[in-house]
C-alpha atoms as a PDB file:
ATOM      1  CA  UNK A   1     -17.581  -7.694  49.284  1.00  0.00           C
ATOM      2  CA  UNK A   2     -15.703  -4.417  48.880  1.00  0.00           C
ATOM      3  CA  UNK A   3     -12.010  -3.640  49.321  1.00  0.00           C
ATOM      4  CA  UNK A   4      -9.700  -0.776  48.379  1.00  0.00           C
ATOM      5  CA  UNK A   5      -6.598  -0.380  46.254  1.00  0.00           C
ATOM      6  CA  UNK A   6      -3.478   0.423  48.298  1.00  0.00           C
ATOM      7  CA  UNK A   7      -0.024   1.596  47.296  1.00  0.00           C
ATOM      8  CA  UNK A   8       2.811  -0.893  47.911  1.00  0.00           C
ATOM      9  CA  UNK A   9       6.096   0.771  46.968  1.00  0.00           C
ATOM     10  CA  UNK A  10       5.900   1.607  43.264  1.00  0.00           C
ATOM     11  CA  UNK A  11       2.952  -0.774  42.756  1.00  0.00           C
ATOM     12  CA  UNK A  12      -0.639  -1.042  43.885  1.00  0.00           C
ATOM     13  CA  UNK A  13      -2.437  -3.991  45.386  1.00  0.00           C
ATOM     14  CA  UNK A  14      -5.669  -5.174  46.893  1.00  0.00           C
ATOM     15  CA  UNK A  15      -6.217  -7.279  49.978  1.00  0.00           C
ATOM     16  CA  UNK A  16      -8.362 -10.320  49.244  1.00  0.00           C
ATOM     17  CA  UNK A  17     -10.261 -11.577  52.317  1.00  0.00           C
ATOM     18  CA  UNK A  18      -9.859 -15.209  53.411  1.00  0.00           C
ATOM     19  CA  UNK A  19     -13.529 -15.895  52.709  1.00  0.00           C
ATOM     20  CA  UNK A  20     -13.066 -14.987  49.042  1.00  0.00           C
ATOM     21  CA  UNK A  21      -9.866 -17.052  48.816  1.00  0.00           C
ATOM     22  CA  UNK A  22     -11.697 -20.019  50.345  1.00  0.00           C
ATOM     23  CA  UNK A  23     -14.451 -19.722  47.724  1.00  0.00           C
ATOM     24  CA  UNK A  24     -11.732 -19.740  45.047  1.00  0.00           C
ATOM     25  CA  UNK A  25     -10.268 -22.923  46.559  1.00  0.00           C
ATOM     26  CA  UNK A  26      -7.084 -21.188  47.743  1.00  0.00           C
ATOM     27  CA  UNK A  27      -6.055 -22.334  51.219  1.00  0.00           C
ATOM     28  CA  UNK A  28      -2.373 -21.278  51.048  1.00  0.00           C
ATOM     29  CA  UNK A  29      -2.204 -18.006  49.095  1.00  0.00           C
ATOM     30  CA  UNK A  30       1.553 -17.443  49.436  1.00  0.00           C
ATOM     31  CA  UNK A  31       2.987 -17.820  45.937  1.00  0.00           C
ATOM     32  CA  UNK A  32      -0.342 -18.946  44.451  1.00  0.00           C
ATOM     33  CA  UNK A  33      -0.327 -18.207  40.705  1.00  0.00           C
ATOM     34  CA  UNK A  34      -3.372 -16.341  39.418  1.00  0.00           C
ATOM     35  CA  UNK A  35      -4.441 -14.980  36.036  1.00  0.00           C
ATOM     36  CA  UNK A  36      -5.747 -11.417  35.799  1.00  0.00           C
ATOM     37  CA  UNK A  37      -8.187 -10.526  33.021  1.00  0.00           C
ATOM     38  CA  UNK A  38     -10.341  -7.534  32.184  1.00  0.00           C
ATOM     39  CA  UNK A  39     -13.730  -8.386  30.664  1.00  0.00           C
ATOM     40  CA  UNK A  40     -15.716  -6.335  28.122  1.00  0.00           C
ATOM     41  CA  UNK A  41     -17.325  -4.326  30.939  1.00  0.00           C
ATOM     42  CA  UNK A  42     -13.916  -3.360  32.377  1.00  0.00           C
ATOM     43  CA  UNK A  43     -14.281  -5.697  35.352  1.00  0.00           C
ATOM     44  CA  UNK A  44     -11.224  -7.368  36.831  1.00  0.00           C
ATOM     45  CA  UNK A  45     -11.384 -11.172  36.883  1.00  0.00           C
ATOM     46  CA  UNK A  46      -8.956 -13.117  39.073  1.00  0.00           C
ATOM     47  CA  UNK A  47      -8.643 -16.820  38.220  1.00  0.00           C
ATOM     48  CA  UNK A  48      -6.731 -19.373  40.244  1.00  0.00           C
ATOM     49  CA  UNK A  49      -4.082 -21.211  38.225  1.00  0.00           C
ATOM     50  CA  UNK A  50      -2.765 -24.639  39.120  1.00  0.00           C
ATOM     51  CA  UNK A  51       0.557 -24.763  40.884  1.00  0.00           C
ATOM     52  CA  UNK A  52       3.079 -27.027  39.193  1.00  0.00           C
ATOM     53  CA  UNK A  53       3.935 -30.117  41.235  1.00  0.00           C
ATOM     54  CA  UNK A  54       7.403 -30.391  42.767  1.00  0.00           C
ATOM     55  CA  UNK A  55       8.310 -32.903  40.058  1.00  0.00           C
ATOM     56  CA  UNK A  56       7.106 -30.536  37.317  1.00  0.00           C
ATOM     57  CA  UNK A  57       9.205 -27.737  38.861  1.00  0.00           C
ATOM     58  CA  UNK A  58      12.308 -29.926  38.774  1.00  0.00           C
ATOM     59  CA  UNK A  59      11.803 -30.761  35.096  1.00  0.00           C
ATOM     60  CA  UNK A  60      10.854 -27.233  33.921  1.00  0.00           C
ATOM     61  CA  UNK A  61      14.425 -26.552  32.806  1.00  0.00           C
ATOM     62  CA  UNK A  62      15.158 -30.096  31.598  1.00  0.00           C
ATOM     63  CA  UNK A  63      15.955 -30.142  27.895  1.00  0.00           C
ATOM     64  CA  UNK A  64      15.561 -33.581  26.309  1.00  0.00           C
ATOM     65  CA  UNK A  65      17.551 -32.843  23.122  1.00  0.00           C
ATOM     66  CA  UNK A  66      20.988 -32.369  24.783  1.00  0.00           C
ATOM     67  CA  UNK A  67      20.292 -35.302  27.124  1.00  0.00           C
ATOM     68  CA  UNK A  68      19.608 -37.630  24.177  1.00  0.00           C
ATOM     69  CA  UNK A  69      22.764 -36.440  22.401  1.00  0.00           C
ATOM     70  CA  UNK A  70      24.866 -37.088  25.498  1.00  0.00           C
ATOM     71  CA  UNK A  71      23.338 -40.417  26.521  1.00  0.00           C
ATOM     72  CA  UNK A  72      22.377 -41.738  23.097  1.00  0.00           C
ATOM     73  CA  UNK A  73      18.968 -43.339  23.645  1.00  0.00           C
ATOM     74  CA  UNK A  74      15.928 -41.786  22.026  1.00  0.00           C
ATOM     75  CA  UNK A  75      13.245 -44.308  22.898  1.00  0.00           C
ATOM     76  CA  UNK A  76      12.445 -47.110  25.289  1.00  0.00           C
ATOM     77  CA  UNK A  77      15.269 -49.267  26.532  1.00  0.00           C
ATOM     78  CA  UNK A  78      15.339 -53.046  26.118  1.00  0.00           C
ATOM     79  CA  UNK A  79      15.447 -54.542  29.593  1.00  0.00           C
ATOM     80  CA  UNK A  80      15.405 -58.128  28.298  1.00  0.00           C
ATOM     81  CA  UNK A  81      12.802 -60.869  28.609  1.00  0.00           C
ATOM     82  CA  UNK A  82       9.969 -60.831  31.124  1.00  0.00           C
ATOM     83  CA  UNK A  83      10.868 -62.856  34.201  1.00  0.00           C
ATOM     84  CA  UNK A  84       7.642 -62.638  36.183  1.00  0.00           C
ATOM     85  CA  UNK A  85       4.164 -61.269  35.748  1.00  0.00           C
ATOM     86  CA  UNK A  86       5.180 -58.032  34.006  1.00  0.00           C
ATOM     87  CA  UNK A  87       2.769 -56.400  31.613  1.00  0.00           C
ATOM     88  CA  UNK A  88       4.118 -56.362  28.073  1.00  0.00           C
END
């Protein structure tokens, strides 16, 4: 499938048809991270990257070191004896 390069402000871009996106496994392209590579023949390769989950996004800026200093526990907490069918 062919497409053309178009000017977008000070940049250039290409329009990727839905059929190609579907073959790449991209159903919602808005904000989809991709990796761009140029192979030895000078061909552009576009690879889909995984989107971080919402939980991963929330913890991207979490820094464990200051948290441990402030709260003082570095490892598992002792919650006491098992009282039911917990796995030890």
